[in-house]
């Protein structure tokens, strides 16, 4: 009789990822017609709440978040854990304390759970989760999407840099 140990870890991870993606798509199909105009707002609240889990994961794994590079690497790792093994990205350092996460492959855009017409919904979910996760990991930084595949770009780019107030304080401290 087959058991869970006979299923390879990679297969388990892919099944869990696809299940979560299909669940998200089904919630939208079922609840959007009922909730109508409030659906996007309510869904965004759910994803922002789920982002709190990012901090718990980062703390339990002792992920560094002090610099832009550390924060970007930790955020990329957390996103991979949530998105599954098909999530592929890299990191580029920018300037003295900035970084860009480049996402080249995203499971949310694969398969039949997310049609091109749902790109805007995929972007809102991803943006809410990513930006809220970053704030939980280190509120001294800001992040913004420069490009997004679900909105038609070739790749996703998420830029991280110190908050403008933090930059101002650093500048005013220089004698």
N, C-alpha and C. Protein backbone atom coordinates (compact mmCIF):
# COMPACT_ATOMS: atom_id res chain seq x y z
N UNK A 1 0.85 -1.17 0.00
CA UNK A 1 0.00 0.00 0.00
C UNK A 1 0.90 1.24 0.00
N UNK A 2 0.69 2.18 -0.95
CA UNK A 2 1.49 3.40 -0.99
C UNK A 2 1.23 4.26 0.26
N UNK A 3 2.28 4.98 0.68
CA UNK A 3 2.12 5.92 1.77
C UNK A 3 2.83 7.22 1.43
N UNK A 4 2.73 8.20 2.30
CA UNK A 4 3.28 9.53 2.04
C UNK A 4 4.79 9.49 1.82
N UNK A 5 5.47 8.57 2.46
CA UNK A 5 6.93 8.47 2.29
C UNK A 5 7.31 8.03 0.88
N UNK A 6 6.40 7.39 0.16
CA UNK A 6 6.72 6.93 -1.20
C UNK A 6 6.59 8.05 -2.24
N UNK A 7 6.03 9.19 -1.83
CA UNK A 7 5.89 10.33 -2.75
C UNK A 7 7.13 11.22 -2.58
N UNK A 8 7.86 11.49 -3.65
CA UNK A 8 9.06 12.33 -3.54
C UNK A 8 8.71 13.73 -3.01
N UNK A 9 9.64 14.31 -2.26
CA UNK A 9 9.43 15.64 -1.68
C UNK A 9 9.09 16.68 -2.75
N UNK A 10 9.79 16.64 -3.87
CA UNK A 10 9.53 17.59 -4.96
C UNK A 10 8.08 17.49 -5.44
N UNK A 11 7.58 16.29 -5.55
CA UNK A 11 6.19 16.06 -5.98
C UNK A 11 5.22 16.60 -4.93
N UNK A 12 5.49 16.35 -3.67
CA UNK A 12 4.64 16.88 -2.59
C UNK A 12 4.57 18.40 -2.65
N UNK A 13 5.74 19.02 -2.86
CA UNK A 13 5.81 20.47 -2.89
C UNK A 13 5.02 21.01 -4.09
N UNK A 14 5.16 20.38 -5.23
CA UNK A 14 4.44 20.85 -6.42
C UNK A 14 2.93 20.66 -6.26
N UNK A 15 2.51 19.57 -5.65
CA UNK A 15 1.07 19.36 -5.42
C UNK A 15 0.53 20.42 -4.48
N UNK A 16 1.25 20.70 -3.41
CA UNK A 16 0.81 21.72 -2.45
C UNK A 16 0.73 23.10 -3.11
N UNK A 17 1.71 23.41 -3.94
CA UNK A 17 1.71 24.70 -4.64
C UNK A 17 0.52 24.81 -5.58
N UNK A 18 0.31 23.78 -6.39
CA UNK A 18 -0.81 23.81 -7.34
C UNK A 18 -2.16 23.86 -6.60
N UNK A 19 -2.26 23.15 -5.51
CA UNK A 19 -3.48 23.16 -4.71
C UNK A 19 -3.78 24.58 -4.22
N UNK A 20 -2.75 25.23 -3.68
CA UNK A 20 -2.93 26.60 -3.17
C UNK A 20 -3.31 27.56 -4.30
N UNK A 21 -2.67 27.42 -5.45
CA UNK A 21 -2.99 28.30 -6.58
C UNK A 21 -4.42 28.08 -7.07
N UNK A 22 -4.82 26.84 -7.17
CA UNK A 22 -6.19 26.55 -7.61
C UNK A 22 -7.20 27.01 -6.58
N UNK A 23 -6.87 26.89 -5.31
CA UNK A 23 -7.77 27.35 -4.25
C UNK A 23 -7.98 28.86 -4.36
N UNK A 24 -6.90 29.59 -4.59
CA UNK A 24 -7.00 31.04 -4.77
C UNK A 24 -7.90 31.39 -5.95
N UNK A 25 -7.70 30.70 -7.07
CA UNK A 25 -8.52 30.95 -8.26
C UNK A 25 -9.99 30.59 -8.00
N UNK A 26 -10.23 29.52 -7.29
CA UNK A 26 -11.61 29.12 -6.99
C UNK A 26 -12.30 30.11 -6.07
N UNK A 27 -11.58 30.62 -5.07
CA UNK A 27 -12.16 31.64 -4.20
C UNK A 27 -12.61 32.84 -5.03
N UNK A 28 -11.76 33.24 -5.97
CA UNK A 28 -12.11 34.39 -6.80
C UNK A 28 -13.36 34.08 -7.63
N UNK A 29 -13.41 32.92 -8.25
CA UNK A 29 -14.56 32.56 -9.09
C UNK A 29 -15.86 32.48 -8.30
N UNK A 30 -15.77 31.97 -7.08
CA UNK A 30 -16.99 31.76 -6.28
C UNK A 30 -17.41 33.04 -5.55
N UNK A 31 -16.45 33.75 -4.94
CA UNK A 31 -16.82 34.87 -4.08
C UNK A 31 -16.91 36.22 -4.78
N UNK A 32 -16.18 36.43 -5.88
CA UNK A 32 -16.24 37.73 -6.55
C UNK A 32 -17.67 38.09 -6.98
N UNK A 33 -18.43 37.16 -7.58
CA UNK A 33 -19.80 37.53 -7.97
C UNK A 33 -20.70 37.89 -6.77
N UNK A 34 -20.40 37.33 -5.62
CA UNK A 34 -21.22 37.60 -4.44
C UNK A 34 -20.79 38.90 -3.76
N UNK A 35 -19.49 39.06 -3.55
CA UNK A 35 -18.95 40.22 -2.84
C UNK A 35 -18.84 41.43 -3.77
N UNK A 36 -18.66 41.20 -5.02
CA UNK A 36 -18.58 42.20 -6.08
C UNK A 36 -17.48 43.23 -5.83
N UNK A 37 -17.85 44.50 -5.68
CA UNK A 37 -16.86 45.58 -5.62
C UNK A 37 -15.89 45.48 -4.44
N UNK A 38 -16.25 44.80 -3.39
CA UNK A 38 -15.39 44.71 -2.20
C UNK A 38 -14.42 43.54 -2.28
N UNK A 39 -14.55 42.69 -3.29
CA UNK A 39 -13.72 41.48 -3.34
C UNK A 39 -12.22 41.80 -3.30
N UNK A 40 -11.76 42.72 -4.15
CA UNK A 40 -10.33 43.02 -4.22
C UNK A 40 -9.81 43.53 -2.87
N UNK A 41 -10.56 44.42 -2.26
CA UNK A 41 -10.16 44.97 -0.96
C UNK A 41 -10.07 43.88 0.10
N UNK A 42 -11.07 43.02 0.17
CA UNK A 42 -11.08 41.95 1.17
C UNK A 42 -9.98 40.93 0.90
N UNK A 43 -9.78 40.58 -0.36
CA UNK A 43 -8.73 39.62 -0.69
C UNK A 43 -7.36 40.19 -0.34
N UNK A 44 -7.16 41.46 -0.60
CA UNK A 44 -5.88 42.10 -0.27
C UNK A 44 -5.62 42.03 1.24
N UNK A 45 -6.65 42.22 2.04
CA UNK A 45 -6.52 42.11 3.49
C UNK A 45 -6.07 40.70 3.90
N UNK A 46 -6.62 39.70 3.24
CA UNK A 46 -6.24 38.31 3.53
C UNK A 46 -4.76 38.10 3.24
N UNK A 47 -4.29 38.56 2.08
CA UNK A 47 -2.88 38.36 1.71
C UNK A 47 -1.95 39.16 2.60
N UNK A 48 -2.37 40.34 3.02
CA UNK A 48 -1.54 41.13 3.93
C UNK A 48 -1.47 40.43 5.29
N UNK A 49 -2.55 39.84 5.71
CA UNK A 49 -2.55 39.08 6.96
C UNK A 49 -1.63 37.85 6.83
N UNK A 50 -1.70 37.16 5.71
CA UNK A 50 -0.85 35.98 5.48
C UNK A 50 0.64 36.36 5.48
N UNK A 51 0.94 37.59 5.12
CA UNK A 51 2.33 38.04 5.09
C UNK A 51 2.95 38.06 6.49
N UNK A 52 2.13 38.14 7.51
CA UNK A 52 2.67 38.09 8.88
C UNK A 52 3.43 36.79 9.12
N UNK A 53 3.00 35.75 8.45
CA UNK A 53 3.66 34.46 8.58
C UNK A 53 5.09 34.52 8.07
N UNK A 54 5.38 35.45 7.17
CA UNK A 54 6.74 35.62 6.64
C UNK A 54 7.72 35.92 7.77
N UNK A 55 7.30 36.78 8.69
CA UNK A 55 8.17 37.13 9.81
C UNK A 55 8.41 35.90 10.69
N UNK A 56 7.38 35.12 10.95
CA UNK A 56 7.55 33.91 11.76
C UNK A 56 8.54 32.94 11.11
N UNK A 57 8.43 32.79 9.80
CA UNK A 57 9.34 31.90 9.08
C UNK A 57 10.77 32.45 9.15
N UNK A 58 10.92 33.74 8.87
CA UNK A 58 12.25 34.35 8.89
C UNK A 58 12.89 34.22 10.27
N UNK A 59 12.10 34.43 11.31
CA UNK A 59 12.64 34.31 12.66
C UNK A 59 13.00 32.86 12.99
N UNK A 60 12.12 31.93 12.62
CA UNK A 60 12.40 30.53 12.95
C UNK A 60 13.62 30.00 12.18
N UNK A 61 13.85 30.51 10.99
CA UNK A 61 15.01 30.09 10.20
C UNK A 61 16.23 30.99 10.44
N UNK A 62 16.04 32.00 11.28
CA UNK A 62 17.11 32.97 11.60
C UNK A 62 17.66 33.64 10.35
N UNK A 63 16.75 34.09 9.51
CA UNK A 63 17.15 34.76 8.27
C UNK A 63 17.56 36.19 8.56
N UNK A 64 18.65 36.66 7.98
CA UNK A 64 19.08 38.05 8.20
C UNK A 64 18.21 39.03 7.39
N UNK A 65 17.97 40.20 7.95
CA UNK A 65 17.16 41.21 7.26
C UNK A 65 17.70 42.62 7.47
N UNK A 66 18.93 42.76 7.95
CA UNK A 66 19.47 44.07 8.31
C UNK A 66 19.86 44.96 7.15
N UNK A 67 20.33 44.38 6.06
CA UNK A 67 20.72 45.16 4.89
C UNK A 67 19.75 44.87 3.74
N UNK A 68 19.83 45.68 2.71
CA UNK A 68 18.96 45.46 1.55
C UNK A 68 19.22 44.09 0.94
N UNK A 69 20.48 43.72 0.86
CA UNK A 69 20.83 42.40 0.29
C UNK A 69 20.26 41.27 1.15
N UNK A 70 20.48 41.36 2.46
CA UNK A 70 19.96 40.33 3.37
C UNK A 70 18.44 40.26 3.29
N UNK A 71 17.82 41.42 3.32
CA UNK A 71 16.36 41.49 3.27
C UNK A 71 15.84 40.88 1.97
N UNK A 72 16.46 41.22 0.85
CA UNK A 72 16.03 40.69 -0.45
C UNK A 72 16.22 39.17 -0.51
N UNK A 73 17.36 38.68 -0.02
CA UNK A 73 17.61 37.23 -0.02
C UNK A 73 16.59 36.51 0.85
N UNK A 74 16.31 37.07 2.03
CA UNK A 74 15.34 36.44 2.94
C UNK A 74 13.93 36.50 2.37
N UNK A 75 13.57 37.62 1.78
CA UNK A 75 12.25 37.75 1.17
C UNK A 75 12.11 36.77 0.00
N UNK A 76 13.15 36.64 -0.78
CA UNK A 76 13.14 35.70 -1.91
C UNK A 76 12.98 34.26 -1.42
N UNK A 77 13.66 33.92 -0.33
CA UNK A 77 13.55 32.58 0.22
C UNK A 77 12.14 32.31 0.75
N UNK A 78 11.58 33.28 1.46
CA UNK A 78 10.22 33.13 1.99
C UNK A 78 9.23 32.98 0.85
N UNK A 79 9.37 33.80 -0.18
CA UNK A 79 8.47 33.70 -1.34
C UNK A 79 8.60 32.34 -2.02
N UNK A 80 9.81 31.80 -2.08
CA UNK A 80 10.00 30.48 -2.67
C UNK A 80 9.30 29.42 -1.83
N UNK A 81 9.41 29.53 -0.51
CA UNK A 81 8.74 28.58 0.37
C UNK A 81 7.22 28.62 0.18
N UNK A 82 6.67 29.80 -0.03
CA UNK A 82 5.23 29.93 -0.24
C UNK A 82 4.81 29.56 -1.66
N UNK A 83 5.69 29.83 -2.63
CA UNK A 83 5.32 29.64 -4.03
C UNK A 83 5.66 28.28 -4.59
N UNK A 84 6.61 27.61 -4.00
CA UNK A 84 6.96 26.29 -4.48
C UNK A 84 8.23 26.26 -5.30
N UNK A 85 8.62 25.07 -5.71
CA UNK A 85 9.92 24.87 -6.37
C UNK A 85 10.01 25.49 -7.77
N UNK A 86 8.89 25.83 -8.38
CA UNK A 86 8.95 26.43 -9.71
C UNK A 86 9.21 27.93 -9.68
N UNK A 87 9.26 28.51 -8.50
CA UNK A 87 9.58 29.92 -8.34
C UNK A 87 11.08 30.08 -8.55
N UNK A 88 11.48 30.89 -9.52
CA UNK A 88 12.90 31.09 -9.82
C UNK A 88 13.20 32.57 -9.88
N UNK A 89 14.22 32.96 -9.16
CA UNK A 89 14.62 34.37 -9.16
C UNK A 89 16.07 34.53 -8.77
N UNK A 90 16.50 35.76 -8.80
CA UNK A 90 17.86 36.09 -8.42
C UNK A 90 17.87 37.47 -7.80
N UNK A 91 19.01 37.87 -7.33
CA UNK A 91 19.15 39.14 -6.63
C UNK A 91 20.26 39.96 -7.25
N UNK A 92 20.02 41.26 -7.34
CA UNK A 92 21.06 42.18 -7.81
C UNK A 92 21.20 43.27 -6.75
N UNK A 93 22.43 43.53 -6.32
CA UNK A 93 22.67 44.64 -5.40
C UNK A 93 22.71 45.92 -6.21
N UNK A 94 22.12 46.98 -5.63
CA UNK A 94 22.09 48.27 -6.31
C UNK A 94 22.62 49.33 -5.35
N UNK A 95 23.71 49.96 -5.74
CA UNK A 95 24.26 51.02 -4.90
C UNK A 95 24.73 50.53 -3.55
N UNK A 96 24.80 51.48 -2.62
CA UNK A 96 25.34 51.20 -1.29
C UNK A 96 24.41 50.32 -0.45
N UNK A 97 23.12 50.58 -0.50
CA UNK A 97 22.19 49.79 0.31
C UNK A 97 20.85 49.61 -0.41
N UNK A 98 20.91 49.06 -1.58
CA UNK A 98 19.71 48.76 -2.33
C UNK A 98 19.84 47.39 -2.98
N UNK A 99 18.70 46.83 -3.34
CA UNK A 99 18.71 45.52 -4.00
C UNK A 99 17.48 45.39 -4.87
N UNK A 100 17.57 44.53 -5.85
CA UNK A 100 16.44 44.23 -6.73
C UNK A 100 16.29 42.72 -6.79
N UNK A 101 15.07 42.26 -6.52
CA UNK A 101 14.74 40.85 -6.68
C UNK A 101 14.20 40.71 -8.10
N UNK A 102 14.79 39.82 -8.86
CA UNK A 102 14.31 39.56 -10.22
C UNK A 102 13.68 38.17 -10.21
N UNK A 103 12.44 38.10 -10.64
CA UNK A 103 11.73 36.83 -10.70
C UNK A 103 11.60 36.46 -12.17
N UNK A 104 12.13 35.32 -12.51
CA UNK A 104 12.11 34.87 -13.90
C UNK A 104 11.02 33.83 -14.17
N UNK A 105 10.61 33.11 -13.12
CA UNK A 105 9.54 32.13 -13.29
C UNK A 105 8.69 32.12 -12.02
N UNK A 106 7.38 32.21 -12.22
CA UNK A 106 6.44 32.28 -11.11
C UNK A 106 5.35 31.23 -11.30
N UNK A 107 5.16 30.35 -10.33
CA UNK A 107 4.13 29.31 -10.45
C UNK A 107 2.72 29.87 -10.60
N UNK A 108 2.47 31.08 -10.13
CA UNK A 108 1.14 31.67 -10.25
C UNK A 108 0.75 31.91 -11.71
N UNK A 109 1.74 31.91 -12.59
CA UNK A 109 1.46 32.16 -14.01
C UNK A 109 1.47 30.88 -14.84
N UNK A 110 1.70 29.76 -14.19
CA UNK A 110 1.75 28.48 -14.89
C UNK A 110 0.43 27.74 -14.73
N UNK A 111 0.19 26.82 -15.59
CA UNK A 111 -1.01 25.98 -15.47
C UNK A 111 -2.27 26.70 -15.87
N UNK A 112 -3.39 26.06 -15.61
CA UNK A 112 -4.67 26.60 -16.06
C UNK A 112 -5.42 27.33 -14.96
N UNK A 113 -4.80 27.51 -13.78
CA UNK A 113 -5.50 28.18 -12.69
C UNK A 113 -5.51 29.69 -12.86
N UNK A 114 -4.60 30.21 -13.64
CA UNK A 114 -4.49 31.65 -13.80
C UNK A 114 -4.46 31.99 -15.28
N UNK A 115 -5.53 32.53 -15.77
CA UNK A 115 -5.58 32.91 -17.18
C UNK A 115 -4.97 34.29 -17.35
N UNK A 116 -4.61 34.67 -18.57
CA UNK A 116 -4.08 36.01 -18.80
C UNK A 116 -5.05 37.09 -18.32
N UNK A 117 -6.33 36.81 -18.37
CA UNK A 117 -7.32 37.79 -17.92
C UNK A 117 -7.26 38.02 -16.41
N UNK A 118 -6.70 37.06 -15.66
CA UNK A 118 -6.63 37.21 -14.21
C UNK A 118 -5.30 37.81 -13.76
N UNK A 119 -4.49 38.30 -14.70
CA UNK A 119 -3.19 38.87 -14.36
C UNK A 119 -3.28 39.98 -13.33
N UNK A 120 -4.27 40.84 -13.45
CA UNK A 120 -4.43 41.94 -12.52
C UNK A 120 -4.70 41.42 -11.11
N UNK A 121 -5.51 40.38 -10.98
CA UNK A 121 -5.78 39.78 -9.67
C UNK A 121 -4.55 39.11 -9.11
N UNK A 122 -3.80 38.44 -9.96
CA UNK A 122 -2.56 37.80 -9.53
C UNK A 122 -1.59 38.86 -9.03
N UNK A 123 -1.49 39.97 -9.73
CA UNK A 123 -0.60 41.06 -9.32
C UNK A 123 -1.02 41.63 -7.98
N UNK A 124 -2.31 41.88 -7.80
CA UNK A 124 -2.77 42.44 -6.51
C UNK A 124 -2.45 41.51 -5.35
N UNK A 125 -2.65 40.22 -5.54
CA UNK A 125 -2.34 39.27 -4.47
C UNK A 125 -0.85 39.26 -4.17
N UNK A 126 -0.05 39.16 -5.21
CA UNK A 126 1.40 39.11 -5.06
C UNK A 126 1.92 40.40 -4.43
N UNK A 127 1.44 41.53 -4.91
CA UNK A 127 1.89 42.81 -4.38
C UNK A 127 1.54 42.95 -2.91
N UNK A 128 0.31 42.63 -2.55
CA UNK A 128 -0.11 42.74 -1.15
C UNK A 128 0.76 41.86 -0.27
N UNK A 129 0.97 40.62 -0.70
CA UNK A 129 1.78 39.69 0.10
C UNK A 129 3.24 40.13 0.18
N UNK A 130 3.82 40.49 -0.95
CA UNK A 130 5.25 40.83 -1.01
C UNK A 130 5.56 42.10 -0.23
N UNK A 131 4.79 43.16 -0.47
CA UNK A 131 5.07 44.43 0.20
C UNK A 131 4.83 44.33 1.70
N UNK A 132 3.77 43.64 2.10
CA UNK A 132 3.50 43.46 3.53
C UNK A 132 4.57 42.57 4.16
N UNK A 133 5.00 41.52 3.47
CA UNK A 133 6.06 40.65 4.00
C UNK A 133 7.33 41.45 4.23
N UNK A 134 7.69 42.27 3.25
CA UNK A 134 8.91 43.08 3.38
C UNK A 134 8.81 43.99 4.60
N UNK A 135 7.67 44.62 4.82
CA UNK A 135 7.50 45.52 5.97
C UNK A 135 7.60 44.76 7.29
N UNK A 136 7.08 43.54 7.32
CA UNK A 136 7.19 42.73 8.54
C UNK A 136 8.64 42.33 8.79
N UNK A 137 9.38 42.03 7.72
CA UNK A 137 10.76 41.60 7.86
C UNK A 137 11.68 42.75 8.27
N UNK A 138 11.46 43.94 7.71
CA UNK A 138 12.26 45.11 8.08
C UNK A 138 11.53 46.38 7.65
N UNK A 139 10.84 47.04 8.59
CA UNK A 139 10.08 48.25 8.25
C UNK A 139 10.94 49.45 7.89
N UNK A 140 12.25 49.35 8.06
CA UNK A 140 13.15 50.44 7.70
C UNK A 140 13.41 50.54 6.21
N UNK A 141 12.86 49.61 5.45
CA UNK A 141 13.03 49.60 4.00
C UNK A 141 11.68 49.74 3.32
N UNK A 142 11.74 50.17 2.08
CA UNK A 142 10.54 50.19 1.25
C UNK A 142 10.80 49.29 0.06
N UNK A 143 9.72 48.82 -0.54
CA UNK A 143 9.85 47.99 -1.73
C UNK A 143 8.77 48.40 -2.71
N UNK A 144 9.09 48.24 -3.97
CA UNK A 144 8.09 48.55 -5.01
C UNK A 144 8.35 47.67 -6.22
N UNK A 145 7.26 47.35 -6.89
CA UNK A 145 7.35 46.57 -8.11
C UNK A 145 7.71 47.52 -9.25
N UNK A 146 8.77 47.19 -9.97
CA UNK A 146 9.18 47.96 -11.14
C UNK A 146 8.60 47.30 -12.39
N UNK A 147 8.57 45.97 -12.39
CA UNK A 147 8.00 45.18 -13.49
C UNK A 147 7.26 43.99 -12.90
N UNK A 148 6.28 43.49 -13.66
CA UNK A 148 5.52 42.33 -13.20
C UNK A 148 5.11 41.49 -14.41
N UNK A 149 5.46 40.21 -14.37
CA UNK A 149 5.13 39.31 -15.48
C UNK A 149 3.62 39.19 -15.67
N UNK A 150 2.87 39.17 -14.58
CA UNK A 150 1.42 39.00 -14.71
C UNK A 150 0.76 40.24 -15.32
N UNK A 151 1.53 41.32 -15.44
CA UNK A 151 1.02 42.53 -16.09
C UNK A 151 1.63 42.71 -17.48
N UNK A 152 2.31 41.64 -17.98
CA UNK A 152 2.81 41.65 -19.34
C UNK A 152 4.31 41.87 -19.49
N UNK A 153 5.03 42.09 -18.39
CA UNK A 153 6.47 42.28 -18.49
C UNK A 153 7.18 40.93 -18.64
N UNK A 154 8.41 40.98 -19.11
CA UNK A 154 9.21 39.78 -19.34
C UNK A 154 9.60 39.10 -18.03
N UNK A 155 9.77 39.88 -16.96
CA UNK A 155 10.15 39.37 -15.65
C UNK A 155 9.61 40.32 -14.59
N UNK A 156 9.63 39.87 -13.35
CA UNK A 156 9.24 40.74 -12.24
C UNK A 156 10.51 41.34 -11.66
N UNK A 157 10.41 42.58 -11.24
CA UNK A 157 11.52 43.24 -10.55
C UNK A 157 10.94 43.97 -9.36
N UNK A 158 11.49 43.67 -8.19
CA UNK A 158 11.04 44.30 -6.95
C UNK A 158 12.25 45.02 -6.36
N UNK A 159 12.16 46.32 -6.27
CA UNK A 159 13.28 47.13 -5.80
C UNK A 159 13.12 47.39 -4.30
N UNK A 160 14.20 47.18 -3.55
CA UNK A 160 14.23 47.43 -2.12
C UNK A 160 15.27 48.50 -1.83
N UNK A 161 14.89 49.46 -0.99
CA UNK A 161 15.82 50.50 -0.59
C UNK A 161 15.40 51.04 0.77
N UNK A 162 16.33 51.71 1.47
CA UNK A 162 15.96 52.28 2.76
C UNK A 162 14.81 53.28 2.60
N UNK A 163 13.96 53.34 3.60
CA UNK A 163 12.86 54.32 3.59
C UNK A 163 13.46 55.71 3.40
N UNK A 164 12.73 56.59 2.75
CA UNK A 164 13.23 57.95 2.51
C UNK A 164 13.56 58.66 3.81
N UNK A 165 12.75 58.45 4.86
CA UNK A 165 13.04 59.06 6.15
C UNK A 165 14.37 58.57 6.69
N UNK A 166 14.67 57.29 6.51
CA UNK A 166 15.94 56.73 6.96
C UNK A 166 17.09 57.39 6.19
N UNK A 167 16.90 57.61 4.88
CA UNK A 167 17.93 58.25 4.07
C UNK A 167 18.15 59.69 4.56
N UNK A 168 17.06 60.42 4.85
CA UNK A 168 17.16 61.79 5.33
C UNK A 168 17.94 61.84 6.63
N UNK A 169 17.64 60.94 7.55
CA UNK A 169 18.37 60.92 8.84
C UNK A 169 19.83 60.66 8.62
N UNK A 170 20.18 59.77 7.71
CA UNK A 170 21.57 59.47 7.43
C UNK A 170 22.28 60.69 6.85
N UNK A 171 21.60 61.43 5.99
CA UNK A 171 22.19 62.61 5.37
C UNK A 171 22.36 63.72 6.39
N UNK A 172 21.39 63.93 7.26
CA UNK A 172 21.48 65.02 8.24
C UNK A 172 22.50 64.74 9.33
N UNK A 173 22.89 63.49 9.54
CA UNK A 173 23.88 63.15 10.56
C UNK A 173 25.30 63.44 10.09
N UNK A 174 25.50 63.59 8.82
CA UNK A 174 26.85 63.85 8.29
C UNK A 174 27.25 65.28 8.65
N UNK A 175 28.40 65.46 9.33
CA UNK A 175 28.82 66.80 9.73
C UNK A 175 29.31 67.64 8.57
